[in-house]
Amino acid sequence: MPSIADIRKEYKMQTLLEKDVDTDPISQFGKWWHEATHSDIDEVNAMTLATATADGIPSARIVLLKEYNEQGFVFFTNYKSRKGNELEKNPRASLVFFWKELERQVRICGTVEKISTAASDAYFSSRPKESQLGAWASEQSTVIGDRTVIEERSAQYRQQFASEDIPRPDWWGGYLVKPRIIEFWQGRAGRLHDRILYSLVEGGGWKIERLAP
């Protein structure tokens, strides 16, 4: 069995040159998103979300992208979860998409704010009933004795909402990550990868630079 240090992959599928990228990073993301969604990628919208406490202790986890637009990138979660508590005190975050099938990575850093209650309500109402019940049943990130705790809470809410639409809990909703930098990474041979960085310019617009691999 090879050692961990000997595990390697040679990247050689595509290139990423300055002349080929869009002047706007959201439009460039849209191009890559289109290619990713038309490729054989499992859970293409899975992304790493990194947050930090007010004094800088980081944590990261996988969440799902549910929308992107010219303002930024949207995901949903429990506001009282660890990430919710960290974002309340330190509203900054990083996102990373890794699409290994395309040998691509996108890194996004920016500020975070809650989306409107109306937008959170609209998305919550579109979720499957089991997912809606899960949002009510789980006091996310809190310590529980065993699985029966959430099973009993789920049964409780299933009975409570048996004859009515399930409303969105006040503690659950969406966040918008408003990018200040977006980096597009394309794997290349010999570890000489292509890295194109967009940085938000004060007053509007984006600066485009190439980073050494």
N, C-alpha and C. Protein backbone atom coordinates (compact mmCIF):
# COMPACT_ATOMS: atom_id res chain seq x y z
N MET A 1 0.85 -1.19 0.00
CA MET A 1 0.00 0.00 0.00
C MET A 1 0.89 1.25 0.00
N PRO A 2 0.63 2.21 -0.90
CA PRO A 2 1.47 3.41 -0.93
C PRO A 2 1.26 4.27 0.30
N SER A 3 2.30 4.99 0.67
CA SER A 3 2.17 5.91 1.80
C SER A 3 1.33 7.11 1.37
N ILE A 4 0.79 7.81 2.36
CA ILE A 4 -0.01 9.00 2.05
C ILE A 4 0.80 9.99 1.22
N ALA A 5 2.08 10.13 1.53
CA ALA A 5 2.93 11.09 0.81
C ALA A 5 3.10 10.73 -0.66
N ASP A 6 2.87 9.47 -1.00
CA ASP A 6 3.06 9.03 -2.39
C ASP A 6 1.79 9.12 -3.23
N ILE A 7 0.67 9.52 -2.61
CA ILE A 7 -0.58 9.64 -3.37
C ILE A 7 -0.53 10.91 -4.20
N ARG A 8 -0.62 10.78 -5.52
CA ARG A 8 -0.54 11.93 -6.41
C ARG A 8 -1.50 11.75 -7.58
N LYS A 9 -1.91 12.88 -8.14
CA LYS A 9 -2.72 12.88 -9.35
C LYS A 9 -2.16 13.94 -10.28
N GLU A 10 -2.02 13.60 -11.54
CA GLU A 10 -1.54 14.57 -12.53
C GLU A 10 -2.75 15.24 -13.18
N TYR A 11 -2.77 16.57 -13.13
CA TYR A 11 -3.88 17.34 -13.70
C TYR A 11 -3.49 17.82 -15.10
N LYS A 12 -4.38 17.55 -16.06
CA LYS A 12 -4.01 17.94 -17.43
C LYS A 12 -5.22 18.10 -18.34
N MET A 13 -6.41 18.32 -17.78
CA MET A 13 -7.60 18.38 -18.61
C MET A 13 -7.76 19.69 -19.37
N GLN A 14 -7.61 20.84 -18.65
CA GLN A 14 -7.93 22.12 -19.24
C GLN A 14 -6.96 23.19 -18.78
N THR A 15 -7.15 24.40 -19.32
CA THR A 15 -6.34 25.55 -18.94
C THR A 15 -7.26 26.68 -18.49
N LEU A 16 -6.68 27.68 -17.83
CA LEU A 16 -7.41 28.87 -17.43
C LEU A 16 -6.49 30.07 -17.66
N LEU A 17 -6.72 30.77 -18.75
CA LEU A 17 -5.89 31.89 -19.14
C LEU A 17 -6.66 33.20 -19.00
N GLU A 18 -5.94 34.28 -18.77
CA GLU A 18 -6.57 35.57 -18.57
C GLU A 18 -7.47 35.96 -19.73
N LYS A 19 -7.04 35.64 -20.94
CA LYS A 19 -7.80 36.03 -22.12
C LYS A 19 -9.14 35.30 -22.23
N ASP A 20 -9.29 34.23 -21.48
CA ASP A 20 -10.50 33.40 -21.58
C ASP A 20 -11.52 33.66 -20.47
N VAL A 21 -11.15 34.43 -19.44
CA VAL A 21 -12.06 34.60 -18.32
C VAL A 21 -12.94 35.84 -18.50
N ASP A 22 -14.10 35.81 -17.87
CA ASP A 22 -15.02 36.95 -17.90
C ASP A 22 -14.49 38.07 -17.01
N THR A 23 -14.87 39.30 -17.30
CA THR A 23 -14.45 40.42 -16.47
C THR A 23 -15.16 40.44 -15.12
N ASP A 24 -16.27 39.71 -15.00
CA ASP A 24 -17.04 39.65 -13.76
C ASP A 24 -16.95 38.24 -13.18
N PRO A 25 -16.58 38.09 -11.91
CA PRO A 25 -16.39 36.75 -11.36
C PRO A 25 -17.68 35.94 -11.22
N ILE A 26 -18.82 36.61 -11.02
CA ILE A 26 -20.07 35.86 -10.92
C ILE A 26 -20.42 35.26 -12.28
N SER A 27 -20.18 36.03 -13.35
CA SER A 27 -20.39 35.49 -14.69
C SER A 27 -19.43 34.34 -14.97
N GLN A 28 -18.18 34.48 -14.52
CA GLN A 28 -17.21 33.40 -14.69
C GLN A 28 -17.64 32.17 -13.91
N PHE A 29 -18.14 32.37 -12.68
CA PHE A 29 -18.65 31.25 -11.90
C PHE A 29 -19.81 30.59 -12.63
N GLY A 30 -20.67 31.41 -13.25
CA GLY A 30 -21.79 30.86 -13.99
C GLY A 30 -21.36 29.93 -15.12
N LYS A 31 -20.28 30.30 -15.80
CA LYS A 31 -19.75 29.45 -16.88
C LYS A 31 -19.28 28.11 -16.30
N TRP A 32 -18.51 28.19 -15.23
CA TRP A 32 -18.02 26.95 -14.62
C TRP A 32 -19.16 26.15 -14.00
N TRP A 33 -20.14 26.84 -13.42
CA TRP A 33 -21.29 26.14 -12.84
C TRP A 33 -22.06 25.39 -13.91
N HIS A 34 -22.24 26.01 -15.06
CA HIS A 34 -22.94 25.35 -16.17
C HIS A 34 -22.20 24.08 -16.58
N GLU A 35 -20.89 24.15 -16.71
CA GLU A 35 -20.11 22.98 -17.08
C GLU A 35 -20.16 21.92 -15.98
N ALA A 36 -20.12 22.37 -14.72
CA ALA A 36 -20.16 21.40 -13.62
C ALA A 36 -21.49 20.67 -13.55
N THR A 37 -22.59 21.41 -13.75
CA THR A 37 -23.91 20.78 -13.67
C THR A 37 -24.20 19.89 -14.86
N HIS A 38 -23.42 20.04 -15.92
CA HIS A 38 -23.58 19.18 -17.09
C HIS A 38 -22.48 18.11 -17.15
N SER A 39 -21.79 17.92 -16.03
CA SER A 39 -20.78 16.88 -15.91
C SER A 39 -21.26 15.85 -14.90
N ASP A 40 -20.57 14.75 -14.82
CA ASP A 40 -20.95 13.66 -13.93
C ASP A 40 -20.37 13.91 -12.54
N ILE A 41 -20.94 14.91 -11.83
CA ILE A 41 -20.47 15.29 -10.51
C ILE A 41 -21.58 15.02 -9.51
N ASP A 42 -21.27 14.27 -8.47
CA ASP A 42 -22.24 13.97 -7.44
C ASP A 42 -22.32 15.14 -6.46
N GLU A 43 -23.51 15.64 -6.20
CA GLU A 43 -23.73 16.79 -5.32
C GLU A 43 -22.84 17.97 -5.72
N VAL A 44 -23.09 18.45 -6.92
CA VAL A 44 -22.30 19.53 -7.49
C VAL A 44 -22.38 20.79 -6.64
N ASN A 45 -23.45 20.96 -5.87
CA ASN A 45 -23.61 22.17 -5.06
C ASN A 45 -23.03 22.05 -3.66
N ALA A 46 -22.33 20.96 -3.37
CA ALA A 46 -21.68 20.81 -2.07
C ALA A 46 -20.47 21.74 -2.00
N MET A 47 -20.34 22.46 -0.89
CA MET A 47 -19.23 23.40 -0.74
C MET A 47 -18.78 23.42 0.72
N THR A 48 -17.50 23.63 0.92
CA THR A 48 -16.98 23.80 2.26
C THR A 48 -17.27 25.23 2.72
N LEU A 49 -17.84 25.36 3.90
CA LEU A 49 -18.07 26.66 4.51
C LEU A 49 -17.16 26.78 5.72
N ALA A 50 -16.29 27.78 5.73
CA ALA A 50 -15.40 28.03 6.86
C ALA A 50 -15.83 29.31 7.56
N THR A 51 -15.99 29.21 8.88
CA THR A 51 -16.31 30.35 9.71
C THR A 51 -15.28 30.42 10.83
N ALA A 52 -15.37 31.46 11.66
CA ALA A 52 -14.44 31.59 12.77
C ALA A 52 -15.13 32.31 13.92
N THR A 53 -14.68 32.01 15.13
CA THR A 53 -15.19 32.72 16.29
C THR A 53 -14.68 34.16 16.27
N ALA A 54 -15.19 34.97 17.19
CA ALA A 54 -14.78 36.38 17.25
C ALA A 54 -13.28 36.51 17.49
N ASP A 55 -12.67 35.53 18.20
CA ASP A 55 -11.24 35.59 18.45
C ASP A 55 -10.43 34.74 17.48
N GLY A 56 -11.07 34.31 16.37
CA GLY A 56 -10.32 33.74 15.25
C GLY A 56 -10.15 32.25 15.23
N ILE A 57 -10.85 31.49 16.07
CA ILE A 57 -10.73 30.03 16.03
C ILE A 57 -11.61 29.52 14.89
N PRO A 58 -11.04 28.85 13.88
CA PRO A 58 -11.80 28.47 12.69
C PRO A 58 -12.54 27.15 12.85
N SER A 59 -13.56 26.98 12.04
CA SER A 59 -14.22 25.68 11.89
C SER A 59 -14.76 25.60 10.47
N ALA A 60 -14.93 24.39 9.97
CA ALA A 60 -15.37 24.21 8.59
C ALA A 60 -16.25 22.98 8.50
N ARG A 61 -17.16 23.02 7.51
CA ARG A 61 -18.06 21.90 7.28
C ARG A 61 -18.61 22.02 5.87
N ILE A 62 -19.23 20.94 5.37
CA ILE A 62 -19.85 20.96 4.05
C ILE A 62 -21.30 21.41 4.19
N VAL A 63 -21.69 22.37 3.37
CA VAL A 63 -23.09 22.79 3.25
C VAL A 63 -23.44 22.79 1.76
N LEU A 64 -24.71 23.09 1.46
CA LEU A 64 -25.15 23.05 0.07
C LEU A 64 -25.51 24.45 -0.44
N LEU A 65 -24.96 24.80 -1.57
CA LEU A 65 -25.35 26.04 -2.25
C LEU A 65 -26.79 25.89 -2.74
N LYS A 66 -27.62 26.89 -2.45
CA LYS A 66 -29.01 26.84 -2.88
C LYS A 66 -29.36 27.94 -3.88
N GLU A 67 -28.51 28.94 -4.02
CA GLU A 67 -28.73 29.99 -5.01
C GLU A 67 -27.45 30.80 -5.15
N TYR A 68 -27.22 31.33 -6.33
CA TYR A 68 -26.20 32.37 -6.48
C TYR A 68 -26.74 33.41 -7.45
N ASN A 69 -26.32 34.64 -7.23
CA ASN A 69 -26.74 35.75 -8.09
C ASN A 69 -25.67 36.83 -8.04
N GLU A 70 -25.97 37.98 -8.58
CA GLU A 70 -24.95 39.04 -8.64
C GLU A 70 -24.56 39.54 -7.25
N GLN A 71 -25.39 39.25 -6.22
CA GLN A 71 -25.07 39.66 -4.86
C GLN A 71 -24.14 38.68 -4.15
N GLY A 72 -24.23 37.39 -4.51
CA GLY A 72 -23.39 36.41 -3.84
C GLY A 72 -23.99 35.02 -3.83
N PHE A 73 -23.70 34.27 -2.75
CA PHE A 73 -23.96 32.84 -2.68
C PHE A 73 -24.79 32.53 -1.43
N VAL A 74 -25.86 31.75 -1.60
CA VAL A 74 -26.84 31.55 -0.53
C VAL A 74 -26.82 30.10 -0.04
N PHE A 75 -26.85 29.93 1.28
CA PHE A 75 -27.05 28.62 1.90
C PHE A 75 -28.01 28.80 3.08
N PHE A 76 -28.53 27.68 3.59
CA PHE A 76 -29.51 27.71 4.67
C PHE A 76 -29.03 26.86 5.84
N THR A 77 -29.40 27.28 7.05
CA THR A 77 -29.00 26.52 8.22
C THR A 77 -29.79 26.99 9.44
N ASN A 78 -29.51 26.36 10.57
CA ASN A 78 -30.06 26.77 11.86
C ASN A 78 -29.24 27.96 12.37
N TYR A 79 -29.91 29.07 12.65
CA TYR A 79 -29.21 30.26 13.13
C TYR A 79 -28.53 30.03 14.48
N LYS A 80 -28.99 29.02 15.24
CA LYS A 80 -28.42 28.75 16.56
C LYS A 80 -27.33 27.68 16.53
N SER A 81 -27.00 27.19 15.34
CA SER A 81 -25.94 26.19 15.20
C SER A 81 -24.59 26.84 15.48
N ARG A 82 -23.54 26.03 15.47
CA ARG A 82 -22.20 26.59 15.70
C ARG A 82 -21.88 27.64 14.64
N LYS A 83 -22.14 27.32 13.38
CA LYS A 83 -21.82 28.30 12.33
C LYS A 83 -22.68 29.54 12.45
N GLY A 84 -23.95 29.36 12.86
CA GLY A 84 -24.81 30.51 13.04
C GLY A 84 -24.32 31.42 14.16
N ASN A 85 -23.91 30.82 15.27
CA ASN A 85 -23.37 31.60 16.39
C ASN A 85 -22.09 32.31 16.00
N GLU A 86 -21.23 31.63 15.24
CA GLU A 86 -19.98 32.26 14.82
C GLU A 86 -20.24 33.41 13.86
N LEU A 87 -21.19 33.22 12.93
CA LEU A 87 -21.49 34.29 11.98
C LEU A 87 -22.16 35.48 12.66
N GLU A 88 -22.88 35.24 13.75
CA GLU A 88 -23.49 36.34 14.50
C GLU A 88 -22.41 37.27 15.07
N LYS A 89 -21.32 36.68 15.54
CA LYS A 89 -20.26 37.45 16.18
C LYS A 89 -19.16 37.86 15.21
N ASN A 90 -19.01 37.11 14.12
CA ASN A 90 -17.93 37.39 13.15
C ASN A 90 -18.50 37.11 11.76
N PRO A 91 -19.19 38.07 11.15
CA PRO A 91 -19.91 37.83 9.90
C PRO A 91 -19.02 37.81 8.66
N ARG A 92 -18.05 36.91 8.68
CA ARG A 92 -17.16 36.69 7.55
C ARG A 92 -17.04 35.20 7.33
N ALA A 93 -16.85 34.79 6.08
CA ALA A 93 -16.77 33.35 5.80
C ALA A 93 -16.03 33.11 4.51
N SER A 94 -15.61 31.87 4.33
CA SER A 94 -15.02 31.40 3.08
C SER A 94 -15.81 30.20 2.59
N LEU A 95 -15.92 30.08 1.28
CA LEU A 95 -16.53 28.92 0.63
C LEU A 95 -15.51 28.30 -0.30
N VAL A 96 -15.55 26.99 -0.42
CA VAL A 96 -14.70 26.30 -1.40
C VAL A 96 -15.52 25.24 -2.11
N PHE A 97 -15.53 25.31 -3.44
CA PHE A 97 -16.07 24.24 -4.28
C PHE A 97 -14.89 23.46 -4.83
N PHE A 98 -14.96 22.12 -4.79
CA PHE A 98 -13.93 21.29 -5.42
C PHE A 98 -14.62 20.31 -6.34
N TRP A 99 -14.45 20.52 -7.63
CA TRP A 99 -15.03 19.66 -8.65
C TRP A 99 -13.90 18.83 -9.27
N LYS A 100 -13.58 17.73 -8.61
CA LYS A 100 -12.42 16.95 -9.01
C LYS A 100 -12.56 16.39 -10.42
N GLU A 101 -13.80 16.12 -10.85
CA GLU A 101 -14.01 15.57 -12.18
C GLU A 101 -13.58 16.55 -13.27
N LEU A 102 -13.60 17.83 -12.96
CA LEU A 102 -13.16 18.87 -13.90
C LEU A 102 -11.79 19.44 -13.52
N GLU A 103 -11.20 18.90 -12.45
CA GLU A 103 -9.92 19.38 -11.95
C GLU A 103 -9.99 20.88 -11.66
N ARG A 104 -11.07 21.28 -10.96
CA ARG A 104 -11.31 22.69 -10.69
C ARG A 104 -11.66 22.93 -9.23
N GLN A 105 -11.32 24.13 -8.81
CA GLN A 105 -11.67 24.58 -7.46
C GLN A 105 -12.03 26.06 -7.54
N VAL A 106 -13.04 26.46 -6.75
CA VAL A 106 -13.39 27.87 -6.63
C VAL A 106 -13.37 28.23 -5.15
N ARG A 107 -12.65 29.30 -4.83
CA ARG A 107 -12.54 29.76 -3.44
C ARG A 107 -13.15 31.15 -3.35
N ILE A 108 -14.02 31.36 -2.38
CA ILE A 108 -14.76 32.61 -2.21
C ILE A 108 -14.60 33.08 -0.78
N CYS A 109 -14.25 34.34 -0.58
CA CYS A 109 -14.16 34.93 0.75
C CYS A 109 -14.96 36.22 0.77
N GLY A 110 -15.70 36.44 1.85
CA GLY A 110 -16.48 37.66 1.90
C GLY A 110 -17.21 37.84 3.21
N THR A 111 -18.11 38.79 3.20
CA THR A 111 -18.93 39.07 4.37
C THR A 111 -20.25 38.32 4.25
N VAL A 112 -20.94 38.16 5.38
CA VAL A 112 -22.15 37.34 5.42
C VAL A 112 -23.28 38.12 6.08
N GLU A 113 -24.47 37.99 5.51
CA GLU A 113 -25.66 38.56 6.12
C GLU A 113 -26.84 37.62 5.91
N LYS A 114 -27.84 37.72 6.77
CA LYS A 114 -29.04 36.92 6.61
C LYS A 114 -29.85 37.43 5.41
N ILE A 115 -30.48 36.52 4.69
CA ILE A 115 -31.38 36.93 3.62
C ILE A 115 -32.72 37.32 4.26
N SER A 116 -33.64 37.85 3.47
CA SER A 116 -34.91 38.31 4.00
C SER A 116 -35.74 37.15 4.54
N THR A 117 -36.62 37.45 5.49
CA THR A 117 -37.51 36.42 6.02
C THR A 117 -38.41 35.86 4.92
N ALA A 118 -38.81 36.72 3.99
CA ALA A 118 -39.68 36.26 2.89
C ALA A 118 -38.95 35.24 2.03
N ALA A 119 -37.67 35.48 1.73
CA ALA A 119 -36.89 34.55 0.92
C ALA A 119 -36.66 33.24 1.67
N SER A 120 -36.42 33.33 2.98
CA SER A 120 -36.24 32.11 3.78
C SER A 120 -37.55 31.33 3.84
N ASP A 121 -38.67 32.04 4.01
CA ASP A 121 -39.98 31.38 4.02
C ASP A 121 -40.24 30.65 2.71
N ALA A 122 -39.92 31.31 1.60
CA ALA A 122 -40.19 30.73 0.28
C ALA A 122 -39.38 29.46 0.08
N TYR A 123 -38.10 29.48 0.47
CA TYR A 123 -37.30 28.27 0.30
C TYR A 123 -37.77 27.17 1.24
N PHE A 124 -38.06 27.53 2.50
CA PHE A 124 -38.49 26.51 3.47
C PHE A 124 -39.75 25.80 2.98
N SER A 125 -40.67 26.55 2.40
CA SER A 125 -41.93 25.94 1.94
C SER A 125 -41.71 24.99 0.77
N SER A 126 -40.57 25.13 0.08
CA SER A 126 -40.28 24.24 -1.05
C SER A 126 -39.60 22.95 -0.62
N ARG A 127 -39.18 22.85 0.62
CA ARG A 127 -38.45 21.68 1.09
C ARG A 127 -39.40 20.50 1.31
N PRO A 128 -38.88 19.28 1.20
CA PRO A 128 -39.70 18.11 1.54
C PRO A 128 -40.16 18.18 3.00
N LYS A 129 -41.31 17.58 3.28
CA LYS A 129 -41.87 17.64 4.64
C LYS A 129 -40.90 17.09 5.67
N GLU A 130 -40.18 16.01 5.35
CA GLU A 130 -39.25 15.42 6.30
C GLU A 130 -38.14 16.40 6.66
N SER A 131 -37.68 17.17 5.68
CA SER A 131 -36.64 18.16 5.94
C SER A 131 -37.19 19.31 6.78
N GLN A 132 -38.45 19.69 6.52
CA GLN A 132 -39.07 20.73 7.33
C GLN A 132 -39.18 20.29 8.80
N LEU A 133 -39.62 19.04 9.01
CA LEU A 133 -39.71 18.51 10.36
C LEU A 133 -38.34 18.45 11.02
N GLY A 134 -37.32 18.11 10.22
CA GLY A 134 -35.97 18.04 10.76
C GLY A 134 -35.49 19.37 11.29
N ALA A 135 -35.86 20.45 10.61
CA ALA A 135 -35.47 21.78 11.07
C ALA A 135 -36.08 22.11 12.43
N TRP A 136 -37.30 21.64 12.67
CA TRP A 136 -37.94 21.84 13.96
C TRP A 136 -37.35 20.92 15.03
N ALA A 137 -37.06 19.69 14.65
CA ALA A 137 -36.67 18.68 15.64
C ALA A 137 -35.25 18.83 16.14
N SER A 138 -34.35 19.35 15.31
CA SER A 138 -32.94 19.36 15.67
C SER A 138 -32.50 20.70 16.25
N GLU A 139 -32.06 20.68 17.50
CA GLU A 139 -31.38 21.85 18.08
C GLU A 139 -29.91 21.74 17.69
N GLN A 140 -29.64 22.12 16.47
CA GLN A 140 -28.38 21.79 15.81
C GLN A 140 -27.16 22.23 16.62
N SER A 141 -26.19 21.34 16.69
CA SER A 141 -24.89 21.54 17.33
C SER A 141 -24.93 21.41 18.85
N THR A 142 -26.10 21.18 19.43
CA THR A 142 -26.16 20.98 20.88
C THR A 142 -25.91 19.52 21.21
N VAL A 143 -25.41 19.26 22.40
CA VAL A 143 -25.15 17.89 22.86
C VAL A 143 -26.48 17.23 23.25
N ILE A 144 -26.70 15.99 22.77
CA ILE A 144 -27.90 15.23 23.14
C ILE A 144 -27.48 13.86 23.68
N GLY A 145 -28.37 13.26 24.48
CA GLY A 145 -28.03 11.99 25.11
C GLY A 145 -27.90 10.85 24.13
N ASP A 146 -28.86 10.73 23.21
CA ASP A 146 -28.81 9.69 22.19
C ASP A 146 -29.79 10.07 21.09
N ARG A 147 -29.90 9.21 20.08
CA ARG A 147 -30.72 9.53 18.92
C ARG A 147 -32.21 9.62 19.24
N THR A 148 -32.64 8.96 20.29
CA THR A 148 -34.07 9.00 20.61
C THR A 148 -34.56 10.43 20.89
N VAL A 149 -33.66 11.30 21.30
CA VAL A 149 -34.04 12.69 21.58
C VAL A 149 -34.62 13.35 20.33
N ILE A 150 -33.91 13.23 19.20
CA ILE A 150 -34.41 13.89 17.99
C ILE A 150 -35.54 13.08 17.35
N GLU A 151 -35.53 11.76 17.55
CA GLU A 151 -36.65 10.96 17.03
C GLU A 151 -37.95 11.32 17.74
N GLU A 152 -37.88 11.51 19.05
CA GLU A 152 -39.07 11.89 19.81
C GLU A 152 -39.53 13.30 19.45
N ARG A 153 -38.57 14.22 19.28
CA ARG A 153 -38.93 15.58 18.89
C ARG A 153 -39.56 15.60 17.49
N SER A 154 -39.02 14.80 16.58
CA SER A 154 -39.58 14.72 15.24
C SER A 154 -41.01 14.19 15.28
N ALA A 155 -41.24 13.17 16.08
CA ALA A 155 -42.59 12.61 16.22
C ALA A 155 -43.54 13.64 16.81
N GLN A 156 -43.04 14.41 17.77
CA GLN A 156 -43.85 15.46 18.40
C GLN A 156 -44.31 16.48 17.37
N TYR A 157 -43.38 16.95 16.55
CA TYR A 157 -43.73 17.98 15.57
C TYR A 157 -44.55 17.39 14.41
N ARG A 158 -44.31 16.13 14.09
CA ARG A 158 -45.12 15.48 13.06
C ARG A 158 -46.60 15.48 13.48
N GLN A 159 -46.82 15.20 14.76
CA GLN A 159 -48.20 15.21 15.27
C GLN A 159 -48.74 16.64 15.33
N GLN A 160 -47.91 17.58 15.77
CA GLN A 160 -48.35 18.96 15.92
C GLN A 160 -48.79 19.57 14.59
N PHE A 161 -48.04 19.23 13.51
CA PHE A 161 -48.32 19.82 12.21
C PHE A 161 -49.03 18.86 11.26
N ALA A 162 -49.67 17.86 11.82
CA ALA A 162 -50.28 16.81 10.99
C ALA A 162 -51.33 17.35 10.04
N SER A 163 -52.06 18.36 10.45
CA SER A 163 -53.17 18.84 9.62
C SER A 163 -52.96 20.27 9.12
N GLU A 164 -51.72 20.72 9.08
CA GLU A 164 -51.45 22.08 8.60
C GLU A 164 -50.09 22.14 7.93
N ASP A 165 -49.90 23.21 7.15
CA ASP A 165 -48.58 23.42 6.56
C ASP A 165 -47.57 23.69 7.67
N ILE A 166 -46.34 23.23 7.45
CA ILE A 166 -45.30 23.40 8.46
C ILE A 166 -44.65 24.77 8.26
N PRO A 167 -44.71 25.65 9.25
CA PRO A 167 -44.10 26.97 9.10
C PRO A 167 -42.59 26.90 9.32
N ARG A 168 -41.90 27.90 8.84
CA ARG A 168 -40.45 27.97 9.06
C ARG A 168 -40.17 28.38 10.50
N PRO A 169 -39.31 27.64 11.22
CA PRO A 169 -38.92 28.07 12.56
C PRO A 169 -38.18 29.40 12.50
N ASP A 170 -38.37 30.23 13.52
CA ASP A 170 -37.68 31.53 13.55
C ASP A 170 -36.17 31.37 13.56
N TRP A 171 -35.69 30.23 14.05
CA TRP A 171 -34.25 30.03 14.20
C TRP A 171 -33.60 29.40 12.96
N TRP A 172 -34.31 29.31 11.87
CA TRP A 172 -33.78 28.65 10.68
C TRP A 172 -33.97 29.56 9.47
N GLY A 173 -32.94 29.67 8.63
CA GLY A 173 -33.09 30.51 7.44
C GLY A 173 -31.81 30.59 6.63
N GLY A 174 -31.78 31.55 5.73
CA GLY A 174 -30.69 31.63 4.77
C GLY A 174 -29.68 32.72 5.08
N TYR A 175 -28.46 32.48 4.59
CA TYR A 175 -27.37 33.45 4.64
C TYR A 175 -26.89 33.74 3.23
N LEU A 176 -26.45 34.96 3.03
CA LEU A 176 -25.84 35.38 1.77
C LEU A 176 -24.37 35.68 2.02
N VAL A 177 -23.49 35.00 1.31
CA VAL A 177 -22.06 35.30 1.34
C VAL A 177 -21.78 36.28 0.21
N LYS A 178 -21.39 37.49 0.57
CA LYS A 178 -21.12 38.56 -0.41
C LYS A 178 -19.62 38.59 -0.67
N PRO A 179 -19.18 38.14 -1.84
CA PRO A 179 -17.75 37.95 -2.05
C PRO A 179 -16.96 39.26 -2.14
N ARG A 180 -15.77 39.20 -1.58
CA ARG A 180 -14.78 40.26 -1.76
C ARG A 180 -13.60 39.76 -2.59
N ILE A 181 -13.36 38.46 -2.54
CA ILE A 181 -12.41 37.84 -3.46
C ILE A 181 -12.99 36.51 -3.94
N ILE A 182 -12.73 36.18 -5.18
CA ILE A 182 -13.09 34.87 -5.75
C ILE A 182 -11.89 34.38 -6.54
N GLU A 183 -11.44 33.18 -6.23
CA GLU A 183 -10.31 32.59 -6.95
C GLU A 183 -10.76 31.35 -7.71
N PHE A 184 -10.37 31.28 -8.97
CA PHE A 184 -10.65 30.13 -9.82
C PHE A 184 -9.34 29.37 -10.02
N TRP A 185 -9.37 28.09 -9.73
CA TRP A 185 -8.19 27.23 -9.80
C TRP A 185 -8.43 26.11 -10.80
N GLN A 186 -7.54 26.00 -11.75
CA GLN A 186 -7.60 24.92 -12.73
C GLN A 186 -6.33 24.10 -12.61
N GLY A 187 -6.48 22.79 -12.36
CA GLY A 187 -5.32 21.93 -12.23
C GLY A 187 -4.54 21.84 -13.53
N ARG A 188 -3.20 21.88 -13.42
CA ARG A 188 -2.32 21.76 -14.59
C ARG A 188 -1.20 20.79 -14.28
N ALA A 189 -0.55 20.33 -15.32
CA ALA A 189 0.52 19.34 -15.17
C ALA A 189 1.69 19.90 -14.37
N GLY A 190 2.38 19.01 -13.68
CA GLY A 190 3.58 19.39 -12.94
C GLY A 190 3.31 20.32 -11.77
N ARG A 191 2.07 20.36 -11.30
CA ARG A 191 1.66 21.24 -10.21
C ARG A 191 1.78 22.72 -10.57
N LEU A 192 1.88 23.04 -11.85
CA LEU A 192 1.92 24.43 -12.30
C LEU A 192 0.50 24.87 -12.64
N HIS A 193 -0.33 24.89 -11.62
CA HIS A 193 -1.76 25.13 -11.80
C HIS A 193 -2.04 26.58 -12.22
N ASP A 194 -3.19 26.77 -12.86
CA ASP A 194 -3.66 28.12 -13.18
C ASP A 194 -4.51 28.63 -12.02
N ARG A 195 -4.21 29.85 -11.55
CA ARG A 195 -4.98 30.48 -10.47
C ARG A 195 -5.28 31.92 -10.87
N ILE A 196 -6.56 32.22 -11.04
CA ILE A 196 -6.99 33.57 -11.39
C ILE A 196 -7.79 34.14 -10.22
N LEU A 197 -7.34 35.29 -9.72
CA LEU A 197 -7.94 35.91 -8.54
C LEU A 197 -8.67 37.19 -8.93
N TYR A 198 -9.94 37.28 -8.51
CA TYR A 198 -10.74 38.50 -8.63
C TYR A 198 -10.81 39.16 -7.25
N SER A 199 -10.47 40.42 -7.16
CA SER A 199 -10.57 41.16 -5.90
C SER A 199 -11.49 42.35 -6.10
N LEU A 200 -12.43 42.53 -5.18
CA LEU A 200 -13.37 43.64 -5.27
C LEU A 200 -12.64 44.96 -5.06
N VAL A 201 -12.88 45.89 -5.95
CA VAL A 201 -12.25 47.21 -5.89
C VAL A 201 -13.18 48.16 -5.16
N GLU A 202 -12.60 48.99 -4.28
CA GLU A 202 -13.39 49.98 -3.57
C GLU A 202 -14.11 50.88 -4.56
N GLY A 203 -15.41 51.01 -4.42
CA GLY A 203 -16.18 51.83 -5.35
C GLY A 203 -16.80 51.04 -6.47
N GLY A 204 -16.49 49.74 -6.56
CA GLY A 204 -17.10 48.89 -7.59
C GLY A 204 -16.10 48.36 -8.58
N GLY A 205 -16.44 47.26 -9.21
CA GLY A 205 -15.56 46.63 -10.18
C GLY A 205 -14.63 45.62 -9.54
N TRP A 206 -13.92 44.89 -10.39
CA TRP A 206 -13.06 43.81 -9.93
C TRP A 206 -11.68 43.91 -10.57
N LYS A 207 -10.66 43.65 -9.78
CA LYS A 207 -9.28 43.55 -10.28
C LYS A 207 -8.98 42.08 -10.51
N ILE A 208 -8.40 41.78 -11.67
CA ILE A 208 -8.07 40.39 -12.02
C ILE A 208 -6.56 40.21 -12.03
N GLU A 209 -6.09 39.21 -11.29
CA GLU A 209 -4.66 38.94 -11.21
C GLU A 209 -4.42 37.44 -11.29
N ARG A 210 -3.23 37.07 -11.78
CA ARG A 210 -2.81 35.67 -11.76
C ARG A 210 -1.94 35.44 -10.54
N LEU A 211 -2.20 34.30 -9.85
CA LEU A 211 -1.40 33.91 -8.70
C LEU A 211 -0.46 32.78 -9.08
N ALA A 212 0.71 32.78 -8.51
CA ALA A 212 1.63 31.64 -8.70
C ALA A 212 1.02 30.41 -8.05
N PRO A 213 1.22 29.25 -8.64
CA PRO A 213 0.63 28.03 -8.10
C PRO A 213 1.31 27.57 -6.82
